[in-house]
Every structure is written in structure tokens, then in C-alpha cells.
Amino acid sequence: MSNILLSPEKQRILNLLSNFNNTKKNGRKLLEDLLLELLYCQLKATYRSQQLEKDFGNDHDIIKLEKASALLKRRFAVPPNQKDLSREIGLNEFKLRKGFKTYFGSTVYEYITRLRMEKARQLLCDEKLAISEVATMVGFSHQNNFSIAFKKYFGFPHSRVKPTVGF
């Protein structure tokens, strides 16, 4: 599931579900609440998709938004600015901003931040790298800025992320 880009909201719910222990008191109620919350997230995503179809009405623009997403996934450490991105994919800046927010549920900046933070977390879990190396690899020139962004995004400092030990 690590190759799928999920919203932080869906990731949180799926993590809770994967660690769910039904032996706890009110376990069934908690499970129902989590499943309802996941359903709500999916309905929101469906609504956004319908809104995009209404606002754009053609598949060409959606393909261009997907192209923007793919480009950002490849170049998140040093992403193009929105003007250059819109030029590269052949979509004006207004349609890029509006379409991106509707289709992906986040602004271009939020999307880049999510890509950077998820990659940083993966590197911290999988590799024995210094924080400064991880920060540079995900596009931060200053370790302090990375530390602040990481804590803001995840709600805990990067020092709490422990590398996973392979067997």
C-alpha cells in the first residue's frame, strides 16, 4: 500500500483499522465508527471527482492533471513553480490550481509537502541516514526547516521515527 498516494485522512483510518483489536471494550462501535469515517472520506473524494467533471467536462484536462501529479512525484525534491508546471502540462494556472484542488483534494503545495513528508518518513524507517541527508533528499536545504515541517505534518518530531529492522 506504500506506493498508493492516499490522503492523510484515509491513511490514518487505514492504519487504525490495520492495528484494530476487537477485544477492547466498545470494539464493535469503534470499528463501525472507523468504517463510517472511511466511507465519508470516499464519498468526499467521489464528490470532488464529480465536481471536477462538472467544472472541466473533458478528459484532456484530467489527463493533464494526472501528468502534473506524475511530474511532481518524480521531481518533488526540486519541483517546478506553478507557472512552469502549468506550462509543462499545457494547462493554464487557474485550471491547474482549481483542478488540482478538486481532483486531488489539496493544493499543489500541499501535494508536494505530502510527497516530501511521506518520502522522508520512508527514508527514516528504511535507511540509516542522517537527518541532514534525509532533509536534502526531500528538498530541504536546512535541517531545521525540515524538522519543523515534519513535526507540523505528522504531529511528532522525526526523532520518534525508528528504522525498521529487516530479518
Protein backbone atom coordinates (compact mmCIF):
# COMPACT_ATOMS: atom_id res chain seq x y z
CA MET A 1 0.00 0.00 0.00
CA SER A 2 3.05 2.28 0.29
CA ASN A 3 3.02 3.03 -3.46
CA ILE A 4 -0.55 4.34 -3.34
CA LEU A 5 -0.90 8.01 -2.53
CA LEU A 6 -3.74 8.25 -0.04
CA SER A 7 -4.99 11.31 1.74
CA PRO A 8 -3.57 11.67 5.24
CA GLU A 9 -7.14 11.21 6.49
CA LYS A 10 -7.51 7.82 4.76
CA GLN A 11 -4.00 6.77 5.80
CA ARG A 12 -4.82 7.47 9.44
CA ILE A 13 -8.06 5.46 9.27
CA LEU A 14 -6.44 2.53 7.44
CA ASN A 15 -3.59 2.46 9.98
CA LEU A 16 -6.12 2.35 12.81
CA LEU A 17 -8.05 -0.43 11.05
CA SER A 18 -4.91 -2.47 10.40
CA ASN A 19 -3.99 -2.26 14.10
CA PHE A 20 -7.55 -2.80 15.26
CA ASN A 21 -8.03 -5.07 18.25
CA ASN A 22 -11.64 -6.23 18.64
CA THR A 23 -11.09 -7.48 22.19
CA LYS A 24 -11.26 -3.98 23.62
CA LYS A 25 -14.41 -2.70 25.26
CA ASN A 26 -16.65 -0.98 22.66
CA GLY A 27 -14.55 -2.60 19.91
CA ARG A 28 -17.51 -3.11 17.59
CA LYS A 29 -18.60 0.53 17.98
CA LEU A 30 -15.07 1.77 17.26
CA LEU A 31 -14.88 -0.45 14.18
CA GLU A 32 -18.22 0.89 12.92
CA ASP A 33 -17.08 4.47 13.51
CA LEU A 34 -13.83 3.90 11.60
CA LEU A 35 -15.64 2.28 8.68
CA LEU A 36 -18.17 5.13 8.57
CA GLU A 37 -15.35 7.65 8.61
CA LEU A 38 -13.63 5.81 5.75
CA LEU A 39 -16.90 5.77 3.81
CA TYR A 40 -17.29 9.51 4.40
CA CYS A 41 -13.76 10.12 3.06
CA GLN A 42 -14.58 8.12 -0.05
CA LEU A 43 -17.85 9.99 -0.58
CA LYS A 44 -15.96 13.28 -0.31
CA ALA A 45 -13.49 12.05 -2.93
CA THR A 46 -16.37 10.99 -5.21
CA TYR A 47 -17.98 14.41 -4.81
CA ARG A 48 -14.68 16.09 -5.70
CA SER A 49 -14.45 13.90 -8.78
CA GLN A 50 -17.98 14.83 -9.86
CA GLN A 51 -17.22 18.49 -9.22
CA LEU A 52 -14.14 18.21 -11.41
CA GLU A 53 -16.18 16.64 -14.18
CA LYS A 54 -18.72 19.45 -13.89
CA ASP A 55 -16.07 22.18 -13.85
CA PHE A 56 -13.88 20.75 -16.60
CA GLY A 57 -16.11 18.41 -18.54
CA ASN A 58 -13.35 16.89 -20.63
CA ASP A 59 -10.83 14.14 -20.11
CA HIS A 60 -7.98 16.13 -21.66
CA ASP A 61 -7.72 18.42 -18.64
CA ILE A 62 -7.91 15.48 -16.24
CA ILE A 63 -5.10 13.76 -18.15
CA LYS A 64 -3.07 16.96 -17.80
CA LEU A 65 -3.70 17.00 -14.04
CA GLU A 66 -2.53 13.37 -13.86
CA LYS A 67 0.55 14.40 -15.85
CA ALA A 68 1.19 17.18 -13.31
CA SER A 69 0.89 14.66 -10.49
CA ALA A 70 3.34 12.26 -12.15
CA LEU A 71 5.78 15.09 -12.79
CA LEU A 72 5.59 16.22 -9.14
CA LYS A 73 6.10 12.64 -7.92
CA ARG A 74 9.32 12.48 -9.94
CA ARG A 75 10.57 15.95 -9.06
CA PHE A 76 9.16 16.67 -5.58
CA ALA A 77 12.59 17.49 -4.12
CA VAL A 78 13.00 20.36 -6.58
CA PRO A 79 9.52 20.91 -8.02
CA PRO A 80 8.71 23.45 -10.71
CA ASN A 81 6.77 26.52 -9.65
CA GLN A 82 3.09 26.60 -10.62
CA LYS A 83 3.72 28.82 -13.64
CA ASP A 84 6.33 26.43 -15.06
CA LEU A 85 4.25 23.39 -14.13
CA SER A 86 1.20 24.78 -15.93
CA ARG A 87 3.36 25.49 -18.98
CA GLU A 88 4.86 21.97 -18.94
CA ILE A 89 1.48 20.23 -18.83
CA GLY A 90 -0.34 22.65 -21.14
CA LEU A 91 -2.97 23.89 -18.69
CA ASN A 92 -3.39 27.48 -17.57
CA GLU A 93 -2.52 28.32 -13.95
CA PHE A 94 -6.12 28.90 -12.89
CA LYS A 95 -7.26 25.50 -14.20
CA LEU A 96 -4.19 23.87 -12.66
CA ARG A 97 -4.89 25.32 -9.20
CA LYS A 98 -8.65 24.78 -9.28
CA GLY A 99 -8.44 21.37 -10.92
CA PHE A 100 -5.68 20.15 -8.63
CA LYS A 101 -7.61 21.12 -5.51
CA THR A 102 -10.78 19.47 -6.81
CA TYR A 103 -9.19 16.33 -8.26
CA PHE A 104 -6.53 15.59 -5.62
CA GLY A 105 -8.17 17.29 -2.65
CA SER A 106 -5.18 19.50 -1.95
CA THR A 107 -3.32 22.44 -3.36
CA VAL A 108 -0.19 21.83 -5.43
CA TYR A 109 1.90 22.99 -2.46
CA GLU A 110 0.10 20.64 -0.04
CA TYR A 111 0.56 17.78 -2.52
CA ILE A 112 4.31 18.42 -2.76
CA THR A 113 4.54 18.64 1.03
CA ARG A 114 2.73 15.30 1.36
CA LEU A 115 5.09 13.67 -1.15
CA ARG A 116 8.14 15.06 0.66
CA MET A 117 6.96 14.07 4.12
CA GLU A 118 5.92 10.55 3.12
CA LYS A 119 9.28 10.00 1.41
CA ALA A 120 11.09 11.40 4.46
CA ARG A 121 9.20 9.05 6.77
CA GLN A 122 10.00 6.13 4.47
CA LEU A 123 13.70 7.05 4.40
CA LEU A 124 13.80 7.42 8.18
CA CYS A 125 12.16 3.99 8.60
CA ASP A 126 14.07 2.11 5.92
CA GLU A 127 17.52 3.66 5.85
CA LYS A 128 20.21 4.58 8.31
CA LEU A 129 20.66 8.13 7.09
CA ALA A 130 21.46 11.30 8.96
CA ILE A 131 18.59 13.75 9.32
CA SER A 132 20.52 16.28 7.22
CA GLU A 133 20.77 13.73 4.39
CA VAL A 134 17.05 12.96 4.53
CA ALA A 135 16.24 16.67 4.59
CA THR A 136 18.35 17.27 1.48
CA MET A 137 16.93 14.23 -0.33
CA VAL A 138 13.37 15.51 0.09
CA GLY A 139 14.14 19.08 -0.94
CA PHE A 140 15.03 21.00 2.22
CA SER A 141 18.26 22.98 2.24
CA HIS A 142 18.14 23.47 6.02
CA GLN A 143 17.66 20.65 8.51
CA ASN A 144 15.79 22.95 10.90
CA ASN A 145 13.16 23.78 8.25
CA PHE A 146 12.76 20.06 7.59
CA SER A 147 12.35 19.31 11.30
CA ILE A 148 9.66 21.97 11.67
CA ALA A 149 7.81 20.81 8.54
CA PHE A 150 7.98 17.15 9.62
CA LYS A 151 6.56 17.89 13.06
CA LYS A 152 3.84 20.11 11.60
CA TYR A 153 2.82 17.43 9.08
CA PHE A 154 2.90 14.33 11.31
CA GLY A 155 2.33 15.89 14.72
CA PHE A 156 5.51 14.39 16.19
CA PRO A 157 9.24 15.01 15.68
CA HIS A 158 11.32 12.94 13.26
CA SER A 159 13.32 11.64 16.21
CA ARG A 160 10.33 9.42 17.11
CA VAL A 161 10.58 7.56 13.79
CA LYS A 162 12.56 4.39 14.29
CA PRO A 163 14.18 2.42 11.47
CA THR A 164 12.53 -0.93 10.85
CA VAL A 165 14.84 -3.89 11.28
CA GLY A 166 14.80 -6.39 8.42
CA PHE A 167 15.21 -10.09 9.05
